[in-house]
Amino acid sequence: MSTNTIHIKRTLGGLKMINEKTGSHVALMINGKGPFDYESGITLEELSKEFQEEMDYLIVTATVDNQLKELNYQLYEDSDIQFIDVCHSIGSRVYQRSLSFVFIRVCMELFSGCKVSVEHSLSKGLYCELHYKRPLVEEDVKRIKNRMDDIIAEDVRFEKSRIPIDEAKDIFREYGQMGKVKLLKYREKPYINMYQCGWLKNYFYGYMVPTTGYLKAFELKYYAPGVIIQYPRIAALGQIPVFEEQPKLFKIFRESEKWGKILDVDHVASLNDLIVEREEGEFIRIAEALHEKKIAEIADQITENIDRKRVILIAGPTSSGKTTFSKRLAIQLKVNGLKPIPISLDDYFVNREDTPLGEDGEYDFESLHSIDLELFNEHLELLIKGEEVEIPTFNFHIGKREYKGHKVKIGKDQPIVLEGIHGLNDELTKAIPRENKFKVYISALTQINVDEHNRIPTTDTRMIRRMVRDNQFRSIDVEKTLALWPSVRRGEEKNIFPFQEDADAMFNSAMFYELGVLKKYVEPLLRQVDNNSPYHPEAKRLLKFLSYFVALDKEDDIPKTSILREFIGGSSFK
């Protein structure tokens, strides 16, 4: 029996509903509107073309009844659909992943026998390296870009098929991608979903756009010895961001990659091997010793310049381990004969009623101007001159500063240590000349990747750390952490990342082994996220990601001074 089906058409006057005689149909809620009737079997891609102009940016994927789906997904049941564009965090990963596939294919075509590694984010792009018999040069990057443009113009489909594990291993051995071969040893299911674009087959832990034609917006930047893939970002209003040099951050990433290769743990499978073979103890001790060595080196830099460097400023994004780092740095400074004096920026908050408001009309406690900058700088100047100052105490219950006789006076061997999100911003300490400040940027810059082509985003490591800490010590569930995460990220983009290259020292707080430890803490929390929760797709993605890791249950080898203890508990720092 036929029914009246309502199709959405675009006219100059807006939406127009046209009745047509059809057979079976589905009722669809789309982006909160509807229901609309469509023929059964219609794809999300077909629908997206009709609803594209309602979106701010290019649609690249969607959720169907709160389950993430690729655009080639066909609809046979009544469904609630939410389209996701390229500037959404999920959509951005889909776009970036698809671009990476085309980049890898082109490199393998143009440079026979090369190995391509997708390394890490850099300068609002994705840094990759091409391992070949000679170094990459700028002319090579132009050739890669031209060939990618050709493939994108051809609008080649990304075909997905289910392949048995043994067959997949043979394909990756042929390509020389041994990181993927080793990883499949830990695959619980007897198959994987393989993508194919033209002649190349590859495996990515996430979805793709339907065709290469979606990937028109991108640039390649030669960045010796590799190349940066640039793509649209929300911070650039859907455009490709202006390239900004980040030499200090790049140096830290390179150093971490070097250590990963030295320790033979550049990919997840290598870490899993250590855990399965019960060899993780020595590895943990080496990783922790590397941390201690780096902290001691920073303390030495400060000590050598103590006559000038009177204020130590420590800043970094959330869940970087700033608290533990600050305390360990203070110990190393004391080993060098100094007597650091910590001062809390929280005590210089303006009274609650004077706190600036955010865009949502709520108090913005992360604003630089939530701090009484005039009083704070006045006190810093007096302290450095050797005068005594009464430090206020902020009463969070009543939202006001109080004075309780906390007087401080420092000597020449007593640097002031300040830890906070605005530490790298000179506006915070505007009364102190730059030459009198020593700035430290700390972040958890992921040191291993899943395999050659599937990277582990630094933000994922920090988000997992925060989920565990919030649950362990703040009685905050995973959904609340996920709800706050976009706001946290916006604050980092505004208050921290623009100033990171001004740091005198950078410290990578990530541990090679930490995701094996955090896995057992966070997986039960993620499984509690209900299927109907708006955060279910993200929880499901993280669970899939963590499935690549073997859990490291034995924690006896993790020192009580470890930065990881700040999140899992058992720290000797209170």
Protein backbone atom coordinates (compact mmCIF):
# COMPACT_ATOMS: atom_id res chain seq x y z
CA MET A 1 0.00 0.00 0.00
CA SER A 2 1.43 3.38 -0.96
CA THR A 3 1.58 6.39 1.31
CA ASN A 4 2.05 10.11 0.94
CA THR A 5 5.73 10.94 1.43
CA ILE A 6 6.84 14.45 2.25
CA HIS A 7 10.11 15.54 0.64
CA ILE A 8 11.99 18.66 1.67
CA LYS A 9 12.98 20.82 -1.30
CA ARG A 10 14.91 24.07 -1.39
CA THR A 11 13.33 27.13 -2.98
CA LEU A 12 14.13 30.82 -2.84
CA GLY A 13 11.33 31.11 -0.34
CA GLY A 14 12.81 28.50 2.01
CA LEU A 15 11.51 25.01 2.77
CA LYS A 16 8.73 23.62 0.64
CA MET A 17 6.95 20.31 1.37
CA ILE A 18 5.85 18.34 -1.71
CA ASN A 19 3.61 15.26 -1.47
CA GLU A 20 4.50 12.33 -3.70
CA LYS A 21 3.11 8.82 -4.03
CA THR A 22 5.65 6.25 -2.84
CA GLY A 23 5.90 2.85 -1.21
CA SER A 24 7.47 2.15 2.21
CA HIS A 25 8.68 5.16 4.15
CA VAL A 26 10.40 6.29 7.34
CA ALA A 27 9.59 9.22 9.62
CA LEU A 28 12.69 11.26 10.45
CA MET A 29 13.40 13.97 12.98
CA ILE A 30 16.28 15.98 11.51
CA ASN A 31 18.28 18.48 13.56
CA GLY A 32 15.36 18.80 15.96
CA LYS A 33 12.77 19.44 13.25
CA GLY A 34 10.10 17.24 11.75
CA PRO A 35 9.01 14.53 11.58
CA PHE A 36 9.56 14.34 7.84
CA ASP A 37 8.67 11.32 5.69
CA TYR A 38 11.22 9.83 3.30
CA GLU A 39 11.49 6.70 1.26
CA SER A 40 12.93 3.79 3.18
CA GLY A 41 16.60 3.15 2.35
CA ILE A 42 17.55 6.78 1.82
CA THR A 43 21.14 7.48 2.88
CA LEU A 44 22.36 10.11 5.28
CA GLU A 45 24.46 11.49 2.44
CA GLU A 46 21.35 12.11 0.32
CA LEU A 47 19.62 13.77 3.25
CA SER A 48 22.67 15.89 4.09
CA LYS A 49 22.58 17.53 0.67
CA GLU A 50 19.07 18.80 1.36
CA PHE A 51 19.94 20.10 4.83
CA GLN A 52 23.45 21.41 4.13
CA GLU A 53 22.41 25.04 3.81
CA GLU A 54 20.95 24.96 7.32
CA MET A 55 24.40 24.11 8.72
CA ASP A 56 27.21 26.58 9.24
CA TYR A 57 29.87 24.25 7.84
CA LEU A 58 30.24 21.13 5.69
CA ILE A 59 28.34 18.07 6.97
CA VAL A 60 30.67 15.08 7.30
CA THR A 61 28.85 12.62 9.58
CA ALA A 62 25.73 12.27 11.75
CA THR A 63 24.18 10.56 14.74
CA VAL A 64 21.16 8.33 14.24
CA ASP A 65 19.24 7.77 17.47
CA ASN A 66 22.36 8.96 19.30
CA GLN A 67 24.64 6.46 17.53
CA LEU A 68 27.41 7.86 15.33
CA LYS A 69 27.03 6.81 11.69
CA GLU A 70 28.83 7.44 8.42
CA LEU A 71 26.98 9.35 5.72
CA ASN A 72 26.64 6.22 3.57
CA TYR A 73 24.37 4.73 6.26
CA GLN A 74 20.89 3.80 4.98
CA LEU A 75 17.74 4.51 6.97
CA TYR A 76 15.12 1.77 7.19
CA GLU A 77 13.45 2.77 10.48
CA ASP A 78 11.98 5.90 11.99
CA SER A 79 14.96 7.82 13.39
CA ASP A 80 16.20 10.96 15.10
CA ILE A 81 19.10 12.44 13.10
CA GLN A 82 21.60 15.08 14.07
CA PHE A 83 24.03 16.17 11.37
CA ILE A 84 27.62 16.90 12.40
CA ASP A 85 29.79 19.36 10.50
CA VAL A 86 33.52 19.63 9.98
CA CYS A 87 34.00 22.09 12.84
CA HIS A 88 32.43 19.86 15.48
CA SER A 89 35.07 17.91 17.44
CA ILE A 90 33.74 14.62 16.02
CA GLY A 91 33.43 15.98 12.49
CA SER A 92 36.91 17.44 12.62
CA ARG A 93 38.36 14.01 13.39
CA VAL A 94 36.43 12.47 10.48
CA TYR A 95 37.73 15.12 8.06
CA GLN A 96 41.29 14.92 9.35
CA ARG A 97 41.30 11.12 9.21
CA SER A 98 40.03 11.11 5.62
CA LEU A 99 42.62 13.67 4.54
CA SER A 100 45.33 11.56 6.15
CA PHE A 101 44.22 8.55 4.09
CA VAL A 102 44.55 10.49 0.83
CA PHE A 103 47.92 11.91 1.94
CA ILE A 104 49.24 8.42 2.75
CA ARG A 105 48.05 7.05 -0.59
CA VAL A 106 49.71 9.85 -2.55
CA CYS A 107 53.01 9.50 -0.68
CA MET A 108 53.06 5.77 -1.38
CA GLU A 109 52.35 6.44 -5.06
CA LEU A 110 54.98 9.15 -5.56
CA PHE A 111 57.72 7.69 -3.35
CA SER A 112 57.76 3.95 -3.88
CA GLY A 113 58.75 2.01 -0.78
CA CYS A 114 58.30 4.96 1.60
CA LYS A 115 56.76 4.67 5.06
CA VAL A 116 54.35 7.39 6.23
CA SER A 117 53.83 8.15 9.91
CA VAL A 118 51.07 10.39 11.27
CA GLU A 119 52.77 11.89 14.31
CA HIS A 120 50.93 14.60 16.28
CA SER A 121 49.12 17.94 16.13
CA LEU A 122 51.22 21.04 15.51
CA SER A 123 50.40 24.65 14.64
CA LYS A 124 46.67 23.85 14.37
CA GLY A 125 47.42 21.10 11.86
CA LEU A 126 48.57 17.49 11.70
CA TYR A 127 52.31 16.83 11.48
CA CYS A 128 53.34 13.80 9.40
CA GLU A 129 56.65 12.35 8.28
CA LEU A 130 57.64 10.48 5.14
CA HIS A 131 60.44 7.97 5.70
CA TYR A 132 62.22 7.52 2.38
CA LYS A 133 65.68 6.95 0.98
CA ARG A 134 66.23 10.71 0.94
CA PRO A 135 64.89 13.65 2.97
CA LEU A 136 61.66 15.33 1.97
CA VAL A 137 62.07 18.71 0.23
CA GLU A 138 59.64 21.52 -0.46
CA GLU A 139 59.18 20.55 -4.10
CA ASP A 140 58.04 17.08 -2.95
CA VAL A 141 55.30 18.68 -0.87
CA LYS A 142 54.03 20.59 -3.91
CA ARG A 143 53.86 17.32 -5.87
CA ILE A 144 51.95 15.66 -3.03
CA LYS A 145 49.49 18.57 -2.88
CA ASN A 146 48.87 18.50 -6.64
CA ARG A 147 48.23 14.75 -6.67
CA MET A 148 45.91 15.03 -3.65
CA ASP A 149 43.97 17.74 -5.49
CA ASP A 150 43.58 15.36 -8.45
CA ILE A 151 42.24 12.52 -6.30
CA ILE A 152 39.86 14.87 -4.51
CA ALA A 153 38.61 16.18 -7.88
CA GLU A 154 38.00 12.57 -8.97
CA ASP A 155 35.57 12.20 -6.03
CA VAL A 156 36.76 8.67 -5.23
CA ARG A 157 34.61 6.73 -2.75
CA PHE A 158 35.94 5.41 0.55
CA GLU A 159 34.76 1.81 0.42
CA LYS A 160 34.49 -0.14 3.69
CA SER A 161 34.61 -3.90 3.97
CA ARG A 162 34.96 -6.46 6.76
CA ILE A 163 38.21 -8.43 6.47
CA PRO A 164 39.47 -11.39 8.55
CA ILE A 165 42.42 -10.57 10.82
CA ASP A 166 44.87 -12.88 9.02
CA GLU A 167 44.05 -11.33 5.65
CA ALA A 168 44.49 -7.84 7.11
CA LYS A 169 47.89 -8.80 8.55
CA ASP A 170 49.02 -9.95 5.09
CA ILE A 171 47.98 -6.62 3.58
CA PHE A 172 49.86 -4.62 6.21
CA ARG A 173 52.97 -6.82 5.91
CA GLU A 174 52.97 -6.11 2.18
CA TYR A 175 52.85 -2.37 2.93
CA GLY A 176 55.57 -2.72 5.60
CA GLN A 177 53.21 -1.39 8.30
CA MET A 178 54.38 -3.61 11.16
CA GLY A 179 52.82 -1.41 13.84
CA LYS A 180 49.40 -2.41 12.48
CA VAL A 181 50.42 -6.08 12.22
CA LYS A 182 51.53 -6.15 15.87
CA LEU A 183 48.42 -4.31 17.04
CA LEU A 184 46.09 -6.87 15.46
CA LYS A 185 47.57 -9.48 17.79
CA TYR A 186 45.51 -7.82 20.53
CA ARG A 187 42.33 -7.49 18.49
CA GLU A 188 39.50 -9.34 20.27
CA LYS A 189 37.22 -9.66 17.23
CA PRO A 190 38.21 -11.98 14.35
CA TYR A 191 37.86 -9.22 11.76
CA ILE A 192 38.48 -5.52 11.16
CA ASN A 193 36.69 -2.92 9.06
CA MET A 194 39.09 -1.96 6.29
CA TYR A 195 38.74 1.14 4.11
CA GLN A 196 39.79 1.36 0.49
CA CYS A 197 40.37 4.51 -1.55
CA GLY A 198 41.45 3.63 -5.07
CA TRP A 199 44.13 0.96 -4.85
CA LEU A 200 45.06 1.52 -1.19
CA LYS A 201 43.53 -0.40 1.70
CA ASN A 202 44.03 0.93 5.22
CA TYR A 203 42.70 0.71 8.77
CA PHE A 204 41.65 3.67 10.87
CA TYR A 205 39.90 3.63 14.23
CA GLY A 206 37.06 5.92 13.18
CA TYR A 207 34.77 6.87 10.33
CA MET A 208 35.49 8.49 6.96
CA VAL A 209 33.67 10.93 4.70
CA PRO A 210 31.84 9.19 1.81
CA THR A 211 34.15 10.40 -0.97
CA THR A 212 37.34 12.34 -1.50
CA GLY A 213 35.26 15.15 -2.97
CA TYR A 214 34.41 16.29 0.55
CA LEU A 215 38.06 17.19 1.22
CA LYS A 216 38.55 20.25 -0.96
CA ALA A 217 39.60 22.53 1.91
CA PHE A 218 43.17 21.74 2.95
CA GLU A 219 46.75 22.95 2.65
CA LEU A 220 50.13 21.27 3.02
CA LYS A 221 52.98 23.07 4.78
CA TYR A 222 56.55 21.85 4.42
CA TYR A 223 57.97 21.65 7.94
CA ALA A 224 61.31 19.88 7.85
CA PRO A 225 61.73 17.00 8.12
CA GLY A 226 58.00 16.46 7.57
CA VAL A 227 54.81 18.14 6.46
CA ILE A 228 51.83 19.68 8.24
CA ILE A 229 48.33 18.95 6.93
CA GLN A 230 46.11 21.99 7.54
CA TYR A 231 42.32 21.75 7.49
CA PRO A 232 39.26 23.83 8.56
CA ARG A 233 39.02 24.63 12.28
CA ILE A 234 36.25 26.13 14.40
CA ALA A 235 38.71 28.64 15.89
CA ALA A 236 39.20 29.99 12.36
CA LEU A 237 35.44 30.10 11.69
CA GLY A 238 35.56 27.06 9.44
CA GLN A 239 38.57 28.30 7.48
CA ILE A 240 42.13 26.99 7.41
CA PRO A 241 44.00 28.77 10.23
CA VAL A 242 46.94 31.05 9.55
CA PHE A 243 50.12 29.05 10.12
CA GLU A 244 52.03 29.92 13.28
CA GLU A 245 55.50 28.64 14.08
CA GLN A 246 55.80 26.49 17.22
CA PRO A 247 59.50 25.55 17.34
CA LYS A 248 59.65 24.95 21.10
CA LEU A 249 56.62 22.67 21.12
CA PHE A 250 57.95 20.83 18.07
CA LYS A 251 61.25 20.24 19.85
CA ILE A 252 59.45 18.63 22.82
CA PHE A 253 57.46 16.35 20.50
CA ARG A 254 60.65 15.33 18.68
CA GLU A 255 62.38 14.59 21.95
CA SER A 256 59.47 12.40 23.09
CA GLU A 257 59.44 10.51 19.78
CA LYS A 258 63.18 9.93 20.10
CA TRP A 259 62.73 8.44 23.57
CA GLY A 260 59.86 6.29 22.32
CA LYS A 261 62.11 4.79 19.68
CA ILE A 262 64.97 4.31 22.17
CA LEU A 263 62.64 2.46 24.54
CA ASP A 264 60.96 0.68 21.62
CA VAL A 265 57.46 1.85 22.61
CA ASP A 266 56.46 4.17 19.78
CA HIS A 267 53.23 2.21 19.22
CA VAL A 268 50.56 0.74 21.52
CA ALA A 269 51.37 -2.87 20.60
CA SER A 270 54.90 -2.46 22.00
CA LEU A 271 53.47 -1.24 25.32
CA ASN A 272 51.03 -4.15 25.35
CA ASP A 273 53.91 -6.58 24.81
CA LEU A 274 55.70 -5.17 27.87
CA ILE A 275 52.60 -5.57 30.03
CA VAL A 276 51.79 -9.10 28.81
CA GLU A 277 55.38 -10.23 29.29
CA ARG A 278 55.49 -8.65 32.79
CA GLU A 279 58.37 -6.36 31.88
CA GLU A 280 56.63 -3.10 32.67
CA GLY A 281 58.36 -2.53 36.02
CA GLU A 282 61.73 -1.46 34.67
CA PHE A 283 60.04 0.48 31.90
CA ILE A 284 58.00 2.47 34.45
CA ARG A 285 61.13 3.23 36.45
CA ILE A 286 62.92 4.49 33.33
CA ALA A 287 59.97 6.68 32.33
CA GLU A 288 59.74 8.16 35.83
CA ALA A 289 63.49 8.72 35.95
CA LEU A 290 63.25 10.64 32.68
CA HIS A 291 60.64 12.90 34.26
CA GLU A 292 62.82 13.50 37.29
CA LYS A 293 65.81 14.28 35.10
CA LYS A 294 63.83 16.85 33.09
CA ILE A 295 62.50 18.52 36.23
CA ALA A 296 66.03 18.67 37.67
CA GLU A 297 67.27 20.28 34.43
CA ILE A 298 64.61 22.99 34.68
CA ALA A 299 65.56 23.58 38.32
CA ASP A 300 69.21 23.94 37.24
CA GLN A 301 68.27 26.55 34.63
CA ILE A 302 66.43 28.57 37.26
CA THR A 303 69.26 28.25 39.79
CA GLU A 304 71.87 29.40 37.29
CA ASN A 305 69.88 32.59 36.72
CA ILE A 306 68.49 33.18 40.21
CA ASP A 307 69.99 36.67 40.38
CA ARG A 308 67.62 37.72 37.61
CA LYS A 309 64.82 35.11 37.54
CA ARG A 310 62.86 36.03 40.66
CA VAL A 311 59.40 34.83 39.65
CA ILE A 312 58.73 31.29 38.39
CA LEU A 313 55.47 31.00 36.42
CA ILE A 314 53.97 27.58 35.67
CA ALA A 315 51.03 27.18 33.28
CA GLY A 316 49.44 24.50 31.17
CA PRO A 317 46.06 23.11 30.11
CA THR A 318 43.81 21.14 32.41
CA SER A 319 45.00 17.77 33.73
CA SER A 320 48.62 18.41 32.80
CA GLY A 321 49.80 17.58 36.32
CA LYS A 322 50.72 21.15 37.25
CA THR A 323 50.24 20.59 40.99
CA THR A 324 52.60 17.61 41.23
CA PHE A 325 55.08 19.19 38.84
CA SER A 326 55.21 22.38 40.96
CA LYS A 327 55.94 20.40 44.10
CA ARG A 328 58.59 18.26 42.46
CA LEU A 329 60.21 21.35 40.97
CA ALA A 330 60.26 22.94 44.45
CA ILE A 331 62.10 19.86 45.78
CA GLN A 332 64.72 20.10 43.05
CA LEU A 333 65.15 23.82 43.72
CA LYS A 334 65.73 23.03 47.39
CA VAL A 335 68.33 20.42 46.38
CA ASN A 336 70.07 23.31 44.61
CA GLY A 337 70.05 25.38 47.80
CA LEU A 338 67.07 27.60 47.01
CA LYS A 339 63.98 28.17 49.15
CA PRO A 340 61.03 28.67 46.78
CA ILE A 341 57.95 30.47 48.09
CA PRO A 342 54.64 29.40 46.53
CA ILE A 343 51.89 32.02 46.22
CA SER A 344 48.34 31.06 45.24
CA LEU A 345 46.67 33.20 42.61
CA ASP A 346 43.31 32.12 44.05
CA ASP A 347 43.95 34.38 47.03
CA TYR A 348 43.97 37.37 44.70
CA PHE A 349 40.52 36.80 43.23
CA VAL A 350 38.40 39.93 43.15
CA ASN A 351 35.35 39.83 45.40
CA ARG A 352 32.62 37.64 43.94
CA GLU A 353 30.36 40.52 42.89
CA ASP A 354 33.26 42.10 40.94
CA THR A 355 34.00 38.93 38.93
CA PRO A 356 33.56 39.53 35.18
CA LEU A 357 30.73 37.71 33.43
CA GLY A 358 31.16 35.30 30.54
CA GLU A 359 29.12 35.11 27.35
CA ASP A 360 26.61 32.92 29.17
CA GLY A 361 26.03 35.58 31.81
CA GLU A 362 27.69 33.49 34.52
CA TYR A 363 30.77 34.44 36.54
CA ASP A 364 33.91 33.79 34.49
CA PHE A 365 36.43 32.64 37.07
CA GLU A 366 38.94 31.81 34.32
CA SER A 367 39.07 35.39 33.09
CA LEU A 368 42.36 37.17 33.70
CA HIS A 369 40.34 39.99 35.22
CA SER A 370 38.86 37.71 37.87
CA ILE A 371 42.22 38.43 39.57
CA ASP A 372 42.96 41.76 41.26
CA LEU A 373 45.89 42.52 38.97
CA GLU A 374 46.78 45.83 40.58
CA LEU A 375 47.05 44.41 44.10
CA PHE A 376 48.80 41.27 42.92
CA ASN A 377 51.47 43.19 40.98
CA GLU A 378 51.94 45.67 43.83
CA HIS A 379 52.68 42.76 46.19
CA LEU A 380 55.06 41.11 43.72
CA GLU A 381 57.07 44.31 43.36
CA LEU A 382 57.32 44.79 47.12
CA LEU A 383 58.36 41.17 47.70
CA ILE A 384 61.12 41.32 45.09
CA LYS A 385 62.41 44.52 46.73
CA GLY A 386 62.72 42.55 49.97
CA GLU A 387 59.79 44.18 51.76
CA GLU A 388 57.21 42.34 53.86
CA VAL A 389 53.71 41.86 52.47
CA GLU A 390 50.52 40.55 54.05
CA ILE A 391 49.08 38.01 51.62
CA PRO A 392 45.27 37.85 51.55
CA THR A 393 43.25 34.64 51.89
CA PHE A 394 40.24 34.23 49.63
CA ASN A 395 37.18 32.89 51.43
CA PHE A 396 35.33 30.87 48.81
CA HIS A 397 32.29 30.44 51.06
CA ILE A 398 31.50 34.16 51.20
CA GLY A 399 33.31 35.14 47.97
CA LYS A 400 35.58 37.76 49.52
CA ARG A 401 39.25 38.32 50.35
CA GLU A 402 40.23 38.27 54.01
CA TYR A 403 43.42 39.21 55.84
CA LYS A 404 44.53 36.77 58.53
CA GLY A 405 48.04 37.96 59.27
CA HIS A 406 49.73 35.82 56.62
CA LYS A 407 52.89 37.92 56.16
CA VAL A 408 55.65 37.05 53.69
CA LYS A 409 59.15 38.40 53.16
CA ILE A 410 61.65 36.78 50.81
CA GLY A 411 65.40 36.68 50.45
CA LYS A 412 67.57 36.49 47.34
CA ASP A 413 67.56 32.69 47.46
CA GLN A 414 63.76 32.54 47.53
CA PRO A 415 62.12 32.64 44.10
CA ILE A 416 58.36 33.16 44.03
CA VAL A 417 56.50 30.22 42.44
CA LEU A 418 53.13 30.92 40.78
CA GLU A 419 51.00 28.22 39.16
CA GLY A 420 47.87 29.06 37.17
CA ILE A 421 46.29 29.16 33.72
CA HIS A 422 47.43 32.75 33.06
CA GLY A 423 51.04 32.21 34.11
CA LEU A 424 52.49 32.64 30.61
CA ASN A 425 50.51 35.83 29.91
CA ASP A 426 52.71 38.83 30.73
CA GLU A 427 49.59 40.84 31.57
CA LEU A 428 49.29 38.80 34.78
CA THR A 429 52.68 40.00 36.03
CA LYS A 430 52.89 43.28 34.10
CA ALA A 431 54.85 45.04 36.88
CA ILE A 432 57.70 42.50 36.62
CA PRO A 433 60.15 42.89 33.71
CA ARG A 434 60.32 39.87 31.37
CA GLU A 435 63.98 39.25 32.24
CA ASN A 436 63.00 38.69 35.86
CA LYS A 437 60.53 35.91 35.04
CA PHE A 438 61.07 32.23 34.27
CA LYS A 439 58.12 30.65 32.49
CA VAL A 440 57.39 26.91 32.36
CA TYR A 441 54.79 25.40 30.04
CA ILE A 442 53.56 21.94 31.02
CA SER A 443 51.26 19.64 29.06
CA ALA A 444 50.64 15.93 28.58
CA LEU A 445 51.95 15.57 25.02
CA THR A 446 51.13 12.00 24.08
CA GLN A 447 54.29 10.01 23.41
CA ILE A 448 52.97 6.93 21.62
CA ASN A 449 50.45 6.36 18.84
CA VAL A 450 48.10 3.47 18.15
CA ASP A 451 50.06 2.59 15.01
CA GLU A 452 51.73 4.30 12.04
CA HIS A 453 48.59 6.12 10.92
CA ASN A 454 46.36 6.34 14.00
CA ARG A 455 47.58 8.96 16.43
CA ILE A 456 46.53 9.49 20.05
CA PRO A 457 45.39 13.10 20.46
CA THR A 458 46.90 14.92 23.42
CA THR A 459 43.42 16.14 24.34
CA ASP A 460 42.20 12.54 24.72
CA THR A 461 44.93 11.74 27.24
CA ARG A 462 44.14 14.85 29.27
CA MET A 463 40.39 14.24 29.10
CA ILE A 464 40.81 10.67 30.37
CA ARG A 465 43.07 11.94 33.18
CA ARG A 466 40.43 14.49 34.15
CA MET A 467 37.60 11.94 34.09
CA VAL A 468 39.52 9.73 36.51
CA ARG A 469 40.50 12.60 38.82
CA ASP A 470 37.02 14.15 38.80
CA ASN A 471 35.50 10.84 39.79
CA GLN A 472 38.17 9.92 42.34
CA PHE A 473 38.49 13.20 44.20
CA ARG A 474 35.72 15.60 43.18
CA SER A 475 32.59 13.42 43.07
CA ILE A 476 32.02 14.47 39.46
CA ASP A 477 30.72 11.86 37.03
CA VAL A 478 31.92 11.34 33.47
CA GLU A 479 28.93 13.08 31.89
CA LYS A 480 29.60 16.24 33.88
CA THR A 481 33.27 16.15 32.84
CA LEU A 482 32.25 15.74 29.20
CA ALA A 483 29.68 18.52 29.52
CA LEU A 484 32.31 20.93 30.82
CA TRP A 485 35.01 19.88 28.34
CA PRO A 486 34.09 22.25 25.45
CA SER A 487 34.18 25.23 27.83
CA VAL A 488 37.50 24.04 29.27
CA ARG A 489 38.94 23.74 25.76
CA ARG A 490 37.76 27.23 24.79
CA GLY A 491 39.46 28.61 27.89
CA GLU A 492 42.70 26.86 26.96
CA GLU A 493 42.58 28.20 23.41
CA LYS A 494 42.07 31.71 24.76
CA ASN A 495 44.22 31.82 27.88
CA ILE A 496 47.04 29.28 27.50
CA PHE A 497 47.94 28.10 24.00
CA PRO A 498 48.57 31.58 22.50
CA PHE A 499 51.37 32.12 25.04
CA GLN A 500 53.04 28.70 25.13
CA GLU A 501 55.92 29.56 22.79
CA ASP A 502 57.00 32.32 25.19
CA ALA A 503 57.95 29.69 27.78
CA ASP A 504 61.59 29.43 28.90
CA ALA A 505 61.14 25.70 29.44
CA MET A 506 58.59 23.10 28.37
CA PHE A 507 57.81 19.93 30.26
CA ASN A 508 55.97 16.94 28.83
CA SER A 509 54.05 15.35 31.69
CA ALA A 510 52.75 12.40 29.67
CA MET A 511 53.93 8.93 30.66
CA PHE A 512 54.55 6.24 28.04
CA TYR A 513 52.64 3.72 30.15
CA GLU A 514 49.80 5.80 31.60
CA LEU A 515 46.90 4.82 29.34
CA GLY A 516 47.46 1.19 30.31
CA VAL A 517 46.95 2.27 33.93
CA LEU A 518 44.09 4.73 33.38
CA LYS A 519 42.16 2.17 31.30
CA LYS A 520 40.90 0.19 34.29
CA TYR A 521 39.76 3.37 36.07
CA VAL A 522 37.94 5.04 33.22
CA GLU A 523 36.33 2.17 31.32
CA PRO A 524 33.71 1.41 34.03
CA LEU A 525 32.86 5.11 34.16
CA LEU A 526 32.39 5.37 30.40
CA ARG A 527 30.19 2.28 30.36
CA GLN A 528 27.83 4.04 32.75
CA VAL A 529 26.97 6.67 30.13
CA ASP A 530 23.43 5.87 29.03
CA ASN A 531 22.63 5.19 25.36
CA ASN A 532 20.30 8.19 25.37
CA SER A 533 22.89 10.57 26.80
CA PRO A 534 24.16 13.29 24.43
CA TYR A 535 27.65 12.16 25.50
CA HIS A 536 27.14 8.53 24.52
CA PRO A 537 28.88 8.81 21.10
CA GLU A 538 31.98 10.28 22.75
CA ALA A 539 31.96 7.68 25.52
CA LYS A 540 31.65 4.92 22.91
CA ARG A 541 34.56 6.39 20.91
CA LEU A 542 36.81 6.48 23.97
CA LEU A 543 35.88 2.91 24.91
CA LYS A 544 36.84 1.74 21.44
CA PHE A 545 40.10 3.66 21.66
CA LEU A 546 40.94 2.14 25.05
CA SER A 547 40.20 -1.35 23.74
CA TYR A 548 43.56 -1.24 21.94
CA PHE A 549 45.38 -1.17 25.30
CA VAL A 550 46.13 -4.06 27.62
CA ALA A 551 45.35 -2.99 31.19
CA LEU A 552 48.32 -2.47 33.50
CA ASP A 553 46.91 -3.63 36.82
CA LYS A 554 50.08 -3.69 38.90
CA GLU A 555 50.71 -0.21 40.32
CA ASP A 556 53.42 -1.01 42.88
CA ASP A 557 56.12 0.26 40.53
CA ILE A 558 54.50 3.69 40.14
CA PRO A 559 56.25 6.04 42.61
CA LYS A 560 54.13 8.02 45.07
CA THR A 561 55.69 11.18 43.62
CA SER A 562 54.58 10.31 40.06
CA ILE A 563 52.45 12.84 38.21
CA LEU A 564 50.10 9.96 37.44
CA ARG A 565 49.34 9.68 41.18
CA GLU A 566 47.65 13.08 40.97
CA PHE A 567 44.89 11.32 39.02
CA ILE A 568 44.73 7.74 40.31
CA GLY A 569 45.54 8.49 43.96
CA GLY A 570 48.28 7.42 46.33
CA SER A 571 50.38 10.57 45.93
CA SER A 572 52.76 11.55 48.70
CA PHE A 573 51.97 15.21 47.95
CA LYS A 574 48.98 16.51 49.88
